[in-house]
C-alpha atoms as a PDB file:
ATOM      1  CA  MET A   1      11.879 -12.922  21.836  1.00  0.00           C
ATOM      2  CA  THR A   2      11.280  -9.919  19.657  1.00  0.00           C
ATOM      3  CA  THR A   3      10.381  -6.697  21.422  1.00  0.00           C
ATOM      4  CA  PRO A   4       8.775  -3.632  19.926  1.00  0.00           C
ATOM      5  CA  LEU A   5      12.131  -1.847  20.341  1.00  0.00           C
ATOM      6  CA  ASP A   6      13.794  -4.456  18.121  1.00  0.00           C
ATOM      7  CA  ALA A   7      11.154  -4.004  15.460  1.00  0.00           C
ATOM      8  CA  ALA A   8      11.543  -0.215  15.634  1.00  0.00           C
ATOM      9  CA  SER A   9      15.311  -0.573  15.368  1.00  0.00           C
ATOM     10  CA  LEU A  10      14.912  -2.669  12.194  1.00  0.00           C
ATOM     11  CA  VAL A  11      12.499  -0.134  10.616  1.00  0.00           C
ATOM     12  CA  VAL A  12      14.715   2.825  11.566  1.00  0.00           C
ATOM     13  CA  GLU A  13      17.816   1.152  10.145  1.00  0.00           C
ATOM     14  CA  LEU A  14      15.999   0.379   6.906  1.00  0.00           C
ATOM     15  CA  LEU A  15      14.839   4.010   6.665  1.00  0.00           C
ATOM     16  CA  SER A  16      18.356   5.283   7.256  1.00  0.00           C
ATOM     17  CA  TRP A  17      19.776   3.133   4.469  1.00  0.00           C
ATOM     18  CA  ILE A  18      17.004   4.042   2.040  1.00  0.00           C
ATOM     19  CA  GLY A  19      17.102   7.749   2.940  1.00  0.00           C
ATOM     20  CA  LEU A  20      20.854   8.158   2.674  1.00  0.00           C
ATOM     21  CA  CYS A  21      21.286   5.935  -0.373  1.00  0.00           C
ATOM     22  CA  LEU A  22      18.633   7.839  -2.301  1.00  0.00           C
ATOM     23  CA  GLY A  23      19.085  11.298  -0.849  1.00  0.00           C
ATOM     24  CA  ILE A  24      22.783  11.815  -1.393  1.00  0.00           C
ATOM     25  CA  PRO A  25      22.749  10.893  -5.143  1.00  0.00           C
ATOM     26  CA  LEU A  26      19.649  13.044  -5.669  1.00  0.00           C
ATOM     27  CA  LEU A  27      21.375  16.015  -4.027  1.00  0.00           C
ATOM     28  CA  ILE A  28      24.482  15.490  -6.162  1.00  0.00           C
ATOM     29  CA  ALA A  29      22.414  15.188  -9.346  1.00  0.00           C
ATOM     30  CA  GLY A  30      20.420  18.337  -8.459  1.00  0.00           C
ATOM     31  CA  TYR A  31      23.493  20.439  -7.804  1.00  0.00           C
ATOM     32  CA  VAL A  32      25.229  19.158 -10.969  1.00  0.00           C
ATOM     33  CA  ARG A  33      22.181  19.994 -13.052  1.00  0.00           C
ATOM     34  CA  ARG A  34      22.035  23.475 -11.486  1.00  0.00           C
ATOM     35  CA  LEU A  35      25.781  23.944 -12.185  1.00  0.00           C
ATOM     36  CA  ALA A  36      25.293  22.952 -15.811  1.00  0.00           C
ATOM     37  CA  PHE A  37      22.780  25.785 -16.289  1.00  0.00           C
ATOM     38  CA  SER A  38      24.543  28.385 -14.124  1.00  0.00           C
ATOM     39  CA  GLY A  39      26.371  30.195 -16.937  1.00  0.00           C
ATOM     40  CA  TRP A  40      23.242  31.294 -18.834  1.00  0.00           C
ATOM     41  CA  THR A  41      23.101  35.068 -19.303  1.00  0.00           C
ATOM     42  CA  GLU A  42      20.016  37.196 -18.762  1.00  0.00           C
ATOM     43  CA  THR A  43      18.819  39.426 -21.604  1.00  0.00           C
ATOM     44  CA  MET A  44      15.612  41.068 -22.820  1.00  0.00           C
ATOM     45  CA  ALA A  45      13.442  39.784 -25.677  1.00  0.00           C
ATOM     46  CA  VAL A  46      10.352  41.203 -27.302  1.00  0.00           C
ATOM     47  CA  ILE A  47       7.139  39.346 -28.230  1.00  0.00           C
ATOM     48  CA  VAL A  48       6.268  39.691 -31.956  1.00  0.00           C
ATOM     49  CA  ALA A  49       3.711  38.043 -34.219  1.00  0.00           C
ATOM     50  CA  ARG A  50       5.004  35.750 -36.879  1.00  0.00           C
ATOM     51  CA  HIS A  51       2.907  36.380 -39.939  1.00  0.00           C
ATOM     52  CA  PRO A  52       2.228  33.609 -42.355  1.00  0.00           C
ATOM     53  CA  VAL A  53       4.574  33.349 -45.334  1.00  0.00           C
ATOM     54  CA  PRO A  54       2.617  32.913 -48.602  1.00  0.00           C
ATOM     55  CA  ASP A  55       4.782  30.128 -50.096  1.00  0.00           C
ATOM     56  CA  ALA A  56       5.621  28.420 -46.780  1.00  0.00           C
ATOM     57  CA  PRO A  57       4.794  24.713 -46.180  1.00  0.00           C
ATOM     58  CA  ARG A  58       1.566  24.085 -44.370  1.00  0.00           C
ATOM     59  CA  GLY A  59       3.213  23.711 -40.929  1.00  0.00           C
ATOM     60  CA  ASP A  60       4.815  27.188 -41.070  1.00  0.00           C
ATOM     61  CA  ALA A  61       1.757  29.062 -42.162  1.00  0.00           C
ATOM     62  CA  ASP A  62       0.287  29.650 -38.725  1.00  0.00           C
ATOM     63  CA  ASP A  63       0.030  33.099 -37.119  1.00  0.00           C
ATOM     64  CA  THR A  64       1.813  32.520 -33.830  1.00  0.00           C
ATOM     65  CA  HIS A  65       3.664  34.672 -31.359  1.00  0.00           C
ATOM     66  CA  VAL A  66       7.476  34.362 -30.965  1.00  0.00           C
ATOM     67  CA  PHE A  67       9.968  36.185 -28.835  1.00  0.00           C
ATOM     68  CA  ARG A  68      13.130  37.616 -30.388  1.00  0.00           C
ATOM     69  CA  TRP A  69      16.357  38.647 -28.839  1.00  0.00           C
ATOM     70  CA  LEU A  70      19.684  39.940 -30.070  1.00  0.00           C
ATOM     71  CA  GLY A  71      22.591  37.671 -29.266  1.00  0.00           C
ATOM     72  CA  ASP A  72      26.076  38.775 -28.196  1.00  0.00           C
ATOM     73  CA  ASP A  73      27.256  37.789 -31.684  1.00  0.00           C
ATOM     74  CA  GLY A  74      24.905  40.396 -33.266  1.00  0.00           C
ATOM     75  CA  HIS A  75      22.463  37.898 -34.753  1.00  0.00           C
ATOM     76  CA  LEU A  76      18.711  38.030 -34.174  1.00  0.00           C
ATOM     77  CA  TYR A  77      17.226  34.833 -32.684  1.00  0.00           C
ATOM     78  CA  GLU A  78      13.633  33.744 -32.128  1.00  0.00           C
ATOM     79  CA  LEU A  79      11.726  30.983 -30.408  1.00  0.00           C
ATOM     80  CA  PRO A  80       7.967  30.280 -30.087  1.00  0.00           C
ATOM     81  CA  ALA A  81       6.310  32.060 -27.188  1.00  0.00           C
ATOM     82  CA  ASP A  82       4.506  29.031 -25.902  1.00  0.00           C
ATOM     83  CA  THR A  83       5.825  28.908 -22.358  1.00  0.00           C
ATOM     84  CA  GLU A  84       3.871  29.605 -19.165  1.00  0.00           C
ATOM     85  CA  GLU A  85       5.746  32.908 -18.703  1.00  0.00           C
ATOM     86  CA  THR A  86       4.778  34.185 -22.191  1.00  0.00           C
ATOM     87  CA  ALA A  87       1.238  32.882 -22.473  1.00  0.00           C
ATOM     88  CA  HIS A  88      -0.343  36.167 -21.197  1.00  0.00           C
ATOM     89  CA  LEU A  89       1.898  38.533 -23.150  1.00  0.00           C
ATOM     90  CA  VAL A  90       0.829  40.388 -26.285  1.00  0.00           C
ATOM     91  CA  GLU A  91       2.822  41.729 -29.223  1.00  0.00           C
ATOM     92  CA  GLY A  92       5.298  44.365 -28.182  1.00  0.00           C
ATOM     93  CA  ASP A  93       5.736  43.197 -24.574  1.00  0.00           C
ATOM     94  CA  ASP A  94       9.169  42.594 -23.187  1.00  0.00           C
ATOM     95  CA  VAL A  95      10.163  39.318 -21.587  1.00  0.00           C
ATOM     96  CA  THR A  96      13.295  38.351 -19.754  1.00  0.00           C
ATOM     97  CA  VAL A  97      15.071  35.377 -21.324  1.00  0.00           C
ATOM     98  CA  PHE A  98      18.119  33.402 -20.278  1.00  0.00           C
ATOM     99  CA  VAL A  99      20.498  32.570 -23.077  1.00  0.00           C
ATOM    100  CA  ASN A 100      23.092  29.811 -23.345  1.00  0.00           C
ATOM    101  CA  PRO A 101      26.363  31.652 -24.038  1.00  0.00           C
ATOM    102  CA  ARG A 102      27.834  28.721 -25.963  1.00  0.00           C
ATOM    103  CA  ARG A 103      24.739  28.252 -28.148  1.00  0.00           C
ATOM    104  CA  PRO A 104      22.972  31.630 -28.402  1.00  0.00           C
ATOM    105  CA  GLU A 105      20.059  30.091 -30.285  1.00  0.00           C
ATOM    106  CA  GLN A 106      19.004  28.317 -27.053  1.00  0.00           C
ATOM    107  CA  ALA A 107      17.003  30.406 -24.660  1.00  0.00           C
ATOM    108  CA  ARG A 108      14.525  29.881 -21.847  1.00  0.00           C
ATOM    109  CA  THR A 109      12.075  32.146 -20.065  1.00  0.00           C
ATOM    110  CA  ASP A 110      12.308  30.535 -16.641  1.00  0.00           C
ATOM    111  CA  PRO A 111      15.411  31.276 -14.534  1.00  0.00           C
ATOM    112  CA  ALA A 112      18.184  28.777 -15.097  1.00  0.00           C
ATOM    113  CA  HIS A 113      19.082  28.638 -11.381  1.00  0.00           C
ATOM    114  CA  ARG A 114      15.785  26.776 -10.732  1.00  0.00           C
ATOM    115  CA  GLU A 115      17.036  23.854 -12.837  1.00  0.00           C
ATOM    116  CA  GLY A 116      17.360  20.726 -10.699  1.00  0.00           C
ATOM    117  CA  HIS A 117      15.191  22.156  -7.933  1.00  0.00           C
ATOM    118  CA  LEU A 118      12.993  19.090  -7.663  1.00  0.00           C
ATOM    119  CA  LEU A 119      16.024  16.769  -7.508  1.00  0.00           C
ATOM    120  CA  ARG A 120      17.534  18.851  -4.692  1.00  0.00           C
ATOM    121  CA  LEU A 121      14.178  19.008  -2.776  1.00  0.00           C
ATOM    122  CA  LEU A 122      13.723  15.222  -2.955  1.00  0.00           C
ATOM    123  CA  GLY A 123      17.409  14.782  -1.995  1.00  0.00           C
ATOM    124  CA  TYR A 124      17.017  16.970   1.075  1.00  0.00           C
ATOM    125  CA  ILE A 125      13.855  15.065   2.092  1.00  0.00           C
ATOM    126  CA  PHE A 126      15.408  11.608   1.695  1.00  0.00           C
ATOM    127  CA  ALA A 127      18.725  12.646   3.276  1.00  0.00           C
ATOM    128  CA  GLY A 128      16.875  14.292   6.126  1.00  0.00           C
ATOM    129  CA  VAL A 129      14.874  11.126   6.799  1.00  0.00           C
ATOM    130  CA  GLY A 130      18.038   9.103   6.586  1.00  0.00           C
ATOM    131  CA  ALA A 131      19.899  11.368   9.017  1.00  0.00           C
ATOM    132  CA  VAL A 132      17.084  11.374  11.529  1.00  0.00           C
ATOM    133  CA  SER A 133      16.873   7.598  11.260  1.00  0.00           C
ATOM    134  CA  VAL A 134      20.588   7.284  11.959  1.00  0.00           C
ATOM    135  CA  VAL A 135      20.188   9.399  15.072  1.00  0.00           C
ATOM    136  CA  LEU A 136      17.152   7.378  16.156  1.00  0.00           C
ATOM    137  CA  SER A 137      18.999   4.115  15.638  1.00  0.00           C
ATOM    138  CA  ILE A 138      21.823   5.362  17.842  1.00  0.00           C
ATOM    139  CA  VAL A 139      19.283   6.406  20.524  1.00  0.00           C
ATOM    140  CA  ILE A 140      17.598   2.947  20.291  1.00  0.00           C
ATOM    141  CA  ALA A 141      20.987   1.257  20.671  1.00  0.00           C
ATOM    142  CA  VAL A 142      21.765   3.313  23.752  1.00  0.00           C
ATOM    143  CA  VAL A 143      18.316   2.607  25.316  1.00  0.00           C
ATOM    144  CA  GLU A 144      18.673  -1.146  24.834  1.00  0.00           C
END
């Protein structure tokens, strides 16, 4: 005969397997992604307006804002200022950017250490549920 404790044991064991089998790979992926972006260096950029070029193709003739920064190699780089962090800035404002040291033309305005945050958060949640379920399954085994 099946008791409620047997059913709870089955559910708890299922949760422990799901939680640990999903949580641990998510944690590993989140920390690997964070490690991949950990070497980006912080520098300052300035918001400027890109004025239309008279002979430019139609796609390049818009009057948009860009941010420019000077790389360690002495070259000036620019990217469109269309991120959430630069939406409220006007021409002449400074913005902190994080630059890839291996490819100085790649930059981002959000901190690179936040990369993989969602993967780590989900990993902690699933692994936590899995760990609590393992403890509960041990308690249920002792009670029986």
